[in-house]
């Protein structure tokens, strides 16, 4: 089966207007949910036989392309400050005694 154009359809009459794979009622979000959960693309396709690997891959590639177009320029991260020496409990106790009027 050839990859349909458009890849995704949004129609209020289909799944309440959720973006779905064209020529199906499978929400695109379902593919993302499977992948985020750690499932493979093969597992997703096993559960939704009308869909093809080519169609799913085309949607993922289109998503990456859209994110890449919206990416901002790279900038260097600020230098991290050197770690501060931890003060021991003993030093904190001395400070408290001085502030508290002595004991």
N, C-alpha and C. Protein backbone atom coordinates (compact mmCIF):
# COMPACT_ATOMS: atom_id res chain seq x y z
N UNK A 1 0.84 -1.18 0.00
CA UNK A 1 0.00 0.00 0.00
C UNK A 1 0.89 1.25 0.00
N UNK A 2 0.60 2.17 -0.85
CA UNK A 2 1.36 3.42 -0.91
C UNK A 2 1.01 4.30 0.28
N UNK A 3 1.92 5.16 0.64
CA UNK A 3 1.68 6.08 1.75
C UNK A 3 0.69 7.14 1.28
N UNK A 4 -0.42 7.30 2.00
CA UNK A 4 -1.44 8.27 1.56
C UNK A 4 -0.97 9.71 1.76
N UNK A 5 -1.49 10.57 0.94
CA UNK A 5 -1.27 12.01 1.08
C UNK A 5 -2.64 12.63 1.28
N UNK A 6 -2.87 13.38 2.29
CA UNK A 6 -1.99 13.71 3.40
C UNK A 6 -1.77 12.49 4.30
N UNK A 7 -0.74 12.56 5.12
CA UNK A 7 -0.44 11.47 6.05
C UNK A 7 -1.44 11.40 7.19
N UNK A 8 -1.87 12.58 7.64
CA UNK A 8 -2.73 12.71 8.82
C UNK A 8 -3.98 13.48 8.42
N UNK A 9 -5.10 13.06 9.00
CA UNK A 9 -6.37 13.74 8.74
C UNK A 9 -6.95 14.23 10.06
N UNK A 10 -7.50 15.44 10.05
CA UNK A 10 -8.21 15.98 11.20
C UNK A 10 -9.61 16.33 10.71
N UNK A 11 -10.60 15.60 11.24
CA UNK A 11 -11.99 15.77 10.81
C UNK A 11 -12.87 15.62 12.04
N UNK A 12 -13.72 16.60 12.33
CA UNK A 12 -14.57 16.51 13.51
C UNK A 12 -15.46 15.26 13.52
N UNK A 13 -15.70 14.68 12.36
CA UNK A 13 -16.54 13.48 12.26
C UNK A 13 -15.75 12.18 12.53
N UNK A 14 -14.42 12.28 12.61
CA UNK A 14 -13.59 11.10 12.84
C UNK A 14 -12.87 11.28 14.17
N UNK A 15 -13.17 10.41 15.10
CA UNK A 15 -12.54 10.40 16.43
C UNK A 15 -12.56 11.79 17.09
N UNK A 16 -13.65 12.50 16.92
CA UNK A 16 -13.82 13.79 17.57
C UNK A 16 -12.83 14.85 17.15
N UNK A 17 -12.24 14.70 15.97
CA UNK A 17 -11.32 15.71 15.47
C UNK A 17 -9.87 15.48 15.86
N UNK A 18 -9.58 14.34 16.50
CA UNK A 18 -8.17 14.03 16.81
C UNK A 18 -7.41 13.78 15.51
N UNK A 19 -6.14 14.14 15.45
CA UNK A 19 -5.34 13.79 14.27
C UNK A 19 -5.24 12.26 14.18
N UNK A 20 -5.62 11.71 13.03
CA UNK A 20 -5.59 10.26 12.83
C UNK A 20 -4.78 9.94 11.57
N UNK A 21 -4.29 8.70 11.51
CA UNK A 21 -3.64 8.22 10.29
C UNK A 21 -4.68 8.33 9.18
N UNK A 22 -4.30 8.88 8.03
CA UNK A 22 -5.21 8.98 6.89
C UNK A 22 -5.74 7.59 6.54
N UNK A 23 -6.99 7.54 6.13
CA UNK A 23 -7.69 6.30 5.75
C UNK A 23 -7.86 5.33 6.92
N UNK A 24 -7.88 5.88 8.14
CA UNK A 24 -8.09 5.03 9.31
C UNK A 24 -8.77 5.85 10.41
N UNK A 25 -9.02 5.18 11.52
CA UNK A 25 -9.54 5.86 12.70
C UNK A 25 -8.54 5.73 13.85
N UNK A 26 -7.28 5.52 13.53
CA UNK A 26 -6.24 5.33 14.54
C UNK A 26 -5.58 6.68 14.83
N UNK A 27 -5.71 7.18 16.06
CA UNK A 27 -5.08 8.46 16.40
C UNK A 27 -3.55 8.36 16.32
N UNK A 28 -2.94 9.41 15.82
CA UNK A 28 -1.49 9.48 15.76
C UNK A 28 -0.91 9.41 17.18
N UNK A 29 -1.63 9.96 18.15
CA UNK A 29 -1.18 9.93 19.54
C UNK A 29 -0.98 8.50 20.02
N UNK A 30 -1.74 7.55 19.48
CA UNK A 30 -1.60 6.16 19.88
C UNK A 30 -0.21 5.63 19.51
N UNK A 31 0.28 5.98 18.34
CA UNK A 31 1.62 5.58 17.93
C UNK A 31 2.65 6.14 18.91
N UNK A 32 2.51 7.42 19.23
CA UNK A 32 3.46 8.04 20.16
C UNK A 32 3.38 7.40 21.54
N UNK A 33 2.17 7.08 21.99
CA UNK A 33 2.01 6.44 23.29
C UNK A 33 2.71 5.09 23.34
N UNK A 34 2.59 4.31 22.27
CA UNK A 34 3.27 3.01 22.20
C UNK A 34 4.79 3.20 22.30
N UNK A 35 5.31 4.13 21.52
CA UNK A 35 6.76 4.32 21.49
C UNK A 35 7.29 4.84 22.82
N UNK A 36 6.57 5.78 23.43
CA UNK A 36 6.99 6.32 24.73
C UNK A 36 6.96 5.23 25.79
N UNK A 37 6.01 4.31 25.68
CA UNK A 37 5.90 3.21 26.65
C UNK A 37 7.00 2.16 26.45
N UNK A 38 7.79 2.30 25.39
CA UNK A 38 8.88 1.36 25.14
C UNK A 38 8.51 0.23 24.19
N UNK A 39 7.31 0.28 23.63
CA UNK A 39 6.92 -0.74 22.66
C UNK A 39 7.58 -0.46 21.32
N UNK A 40 7.74 -1.50 20.55
CA UNK A 40 8.35 -1.34 19.23
C UNK A 40 7.31 -0.92 18.20
N UNK A 41 7.80 -0.44 17.09
CA UNK A 41 6.91 -0.10 15.98
C UNK A 41 6.20 -1.36 15.49
N UNK A 42 6.91 -2.49 15.51
CA UNK A 42 6.29 -3.76 15.10
C UNK A 42 5.09 -4.11 15.98
N UNK A 43 5.23 -3.90 17.29
CA UNK A 43 4.12 -4.20 18.20
C UNK A 43 2.91 -3.31 17.88
N UNK A 44 3.18 -2.02 17.66
CA UNK A 44 2.11 -1.10 17.29
C UNK A 44 1.41 -1.59 16.02
N UNK A 45 2.19 -1.92 15.01
CA UNK A 45 1.61 -2.36 13.73
C UNK A 45 0.86 -3.68 13.88
N UNK A 46 1.31 -4.56 14.77
CA UNK A 46 0.58 -5.81 15.03
C UNK A 46 -0.81 -5.53 15.58
N UNK A 47 -0.93 -4.47 16.39
CA UNK A 47 -2.22 -4.14 17.00
C UNK A 47 -3.13 -3.34 16.06
N UNK A 48 -2.56 -2.78 15.02
CA UNK A 48 -3.34 -1.99 14.06
C UNK A 48 -2.98 -2.43 12.64
N UNK A 49 -3.42 -3.63 12.24
CA UNK A 49 -3.02 -4.22 10.95
C UNK A 49 -3.29 -3.39 9.71
N UNK A 50 -4.33 -2.53 9.67
CA UNK A 50 -4.51 -1.77 8.43
C UNK A 50 -3.39 -0.78 8.14
N UNK A 51 -2.62 -0.41 9.18
CA UNK A 51 -1.56 0.58 8.99
C UNK A 51 -0.29 -0.09 8.48
N UNK A 52 0.50 0.68 7.76
CA UNK A 52 1.75 0.13 7.22
C UNK A 52 2.95 0.77 7.90
N UNK A 53 4.05 0.06 7.85
CA UNK A 53 5.31 0.58 8.40
C UNK A 53 5.68 1.88 7.68
N UNK A 54 5.48 1.92 6.39
CA UNK A 54 5.84 3.11 5.60
C UNK A 54 5.04 4.33 6.04
N UNK A 55 3.75 4.13 6.32
CA UNK A 55 2.89 5.23 6.74
C UNK A 55 3.34 5.74 8.11
N UNK A 56 3.57 4.82 9.06
CA UNK A 56 4.01 5.22 10.40
C UNK A 56 5.37 5.92 10.34
N UNK A 57 6.29 5.37 9.56
CA UNK A 57 7.62 5.96 9.44
C UNK A 57 7.53 7.35 8.81
N UNK A 58 6.67 7.52 7.83
CA UNK A 58 6.51 8.83 7.18
C UNK A 58 5.99 9.86 8.18
N UNK A 59 5.07 9.46 9.05
CA UNK A 59 4.55 10.39 10.07
C UNK A 59 5.65 10.77 11.05
N UNK A 60 6.44 9.79 11.48
CA UNK A 60 7.54 10.09 12.41
C UNK A 60 8.58 11.00 11.76
N UNK A 61 8.91 10.74 10.50
CA UNK A 61 9.87 11.60 9.80
C UNK A 61 9.33 13.02 9.66
N UNK A 62 8.04 13.14 9.35
CA UNK A 62 7.43 14.47 9.21
C UNK A 62 7.47 15.22 10.55
N UNK A 63 7.26 14.50 11.64
CA UNK A 63 7.32 15.12 12.96
C UNK A 63 8.72 15.62 13.28
N UNK A 64 9.72 14.83 12.96
CA UNK A 64 11.11 15.23 13.20
C UNK A 64 11.45 16.44 12.33
N UNK A 65 11.00 16.42 11.09
CA UNK A 65 11.28 17.56 10.19
C UNK A 65 10.64 18.84 10.72
N UNK A 66 9.40 18.74 11.22
CA UNK A 66 8.72 19.92 11.76
C UNK A 66 9.45 20.43 13.00
N UNK A 67 9.88 19.54 13.87
CA UNK A 67 10.61 19.96 15.06
C UNK A 67 11.95 20.58 14.69
N UNK A 68 12.60 20.04 13.67
CA UNK A 68 13.89 20.58 13.24
C UNK A 68 13.73 21.99 12.67
N UNK A 69 12.65 22.22 11.94
CA UNK A 69 12.41 23.57 11.39
C UNK A 69 12.19 24.58 12.50
N UNK A 70 11.56 24.16 13.59
CA UNK A 70 11.24 25.06 14.69
C UNK A 70 12.38 25.20 15.70
N UNK A 71 13.44 24.45 15.52
CA UNK A 71 14.55 24.48 16.49
C UNK A 71 15.23 25.83 16.49
N UNK A 72 15.63 26.26 17.66
CA UNK A 72 16.34 27.52 17.80
C UNK A 72 17.83 27.31 17.61
N UNK A 73 18.56 28.41 17.54
CA UNK A 73 20.01 28.31 17.37
C UNK A 73 20.65 27.71 18.62
N UNK A 74 21.73 27.00 18.41
CA UNK A 74 22.45 26.42 19.54
C UNK A 74 23.15 27.54 20.30
N UNK A 75 23.21 27.39 21.59
CA UNK A 75 23.96 28.35 22.39
C UNK A 75 24.70 27.57 23.46
N UNK A 76 25.81 28.12 23.87
CA UNK A 76 26.59 27.40 24.86
C UNK A 76 25.92 27.50 26.22
N UNK A 77 26.10 26.49 27.01
CA UNK A 77 25.55 26.48 28.35
C UNK A 77 26.44 27.30 29.27
N UNK A 78 25.86 27.94 30.28
CA UNK A 78 26.71 28.69 31.21
C UNK A 78 27.62 27.74 31.97
N UNK A 79 28.79 28.25 32.31
CA UNK A 79 29.74 27.43 33.06
C UNK A 79 29.16 27.13 34.43
N UNK A 80 29.35 25.92 34.88
CA UNK A 80 28.83 25.57 36.20
C UNK A 80 29.82 26.06 37.25
N UNK A 81 29.29 26.65 38.32
CA UNK A 81 30.20 27.13 39.36
C UNK A 81 30.88 25.96 40.06
N UNK A 82 32.06 26.23 40.59
CA UNK A 82 32.79 25.19 41.32
C UNK A 82 31.99 24.81 42.57
N UNK A 83 32.01 23.55 42.93
CA UNK A 83 31.26 23.15 44.12
C UNK A 83 31.81 23.83 45.37
N UNK A 84 30.90 24.22 46.27
CA UNK A 84 31.31 24.87 47.50
C UNK A 84 31.67 23.81 48.52
N UNK A 85 32.62 24.17 49.35
CA UNK A 85 33.01 23.26 50.42
C UNK A 85 31.87 23.18 51.43
N UNK A 86 31.58 21.98 51.83
CA UNK A 86 30.53 21.81 52.84
C UNK A 86 31.08 22.20 54.20
N UNK A 87 30.28 22.91 54.95
CA UNK A 87 30.68 23.27 56.32
C UNK A 87 30.23 22.15 57.24
N UNK A 88 31.08 21.80 58.11
CA UNK A 88 30.74 20.75 59.06
C UNK A 88 29.75 21.24 60.10
N UNK A 89 29.16 20.31 60.79
CA UNK A 89 28.18 20.65 61.83
C UNK A 89 28.86 21.46 62.93
N UNK A 90 30.11 21.22 63.18
CA UNK A 90 30.82 21.92 64.24
C UNK A 90 30.87 23.42 63.98
N UNK A 91 31.17 23.80 62.73
CA UNK A 91 31.21 25.22 62.40
C UNK A 91 29.84 25.87 62.55
N UNK A 92 28.79 25.14 62.18
CA UNK A 92 27.44 25.67 62.31
C UNK A 92 27.09 25.83 63.78
N UNK A 93 27.53 24.91 64.64
CA UNK A 93 27.25 25.02 66.08
C UNK A 93 27.90 26.27 66.66
N UNK A 94 29.15 26.54 66.28
CA UNK A 94 29.85 27.72 66.79
C UNK A 94 29.11 28.99 66.40
N UNK A 95 28.65 29.02 65.16
CA UNK A 95 27.93 30.21 64.70
C UNK A 95 26.67 30.41 65.51
N UNK A 96 25.94 29.35 65.76
CA UNK A 96 24.69 29.46 66.52
C UNK A 96 24.96 29.97 67.93
N UNK A 97 26.02 29.48 68.54
CA UNK A 97 26.31 29.91 69.92
C UNK A 97 26.59 31.41 69.97
N UNK A 98 27.34 31.88 68.98
CA UNK A 98 27.66 33.31 68.98
C UNK A 98 26.41 34.14 68.79
N UNK A 99 25.54 33.71 67.89
CA UNK A 99 24.33 34.49 67.62
C UNK A 99 23.36 34.38 68.79
N UNK A 100 23.30 33.22 69.42
CA UNK A 100 22.32 33.00 70.47
C UNK A 100 22.72 33.61 71.82
N UNK A 101 23.84 34.24 71.90
CA UNK A 101 24.22 34.86 73.15
C UNK A 101 25.08 33.99 74.04
N UNK A 102 25.60 32.92 73.48
CA UNK A 102 26.54 32.08 74.22
C UNK A 102 25.84 31.02 75.06
N UNK A 103 26.52 29.88 75.21
CA UNK A 103 26.02 28.83 76.08
C UNK A 103 27.17 28.01 76.56
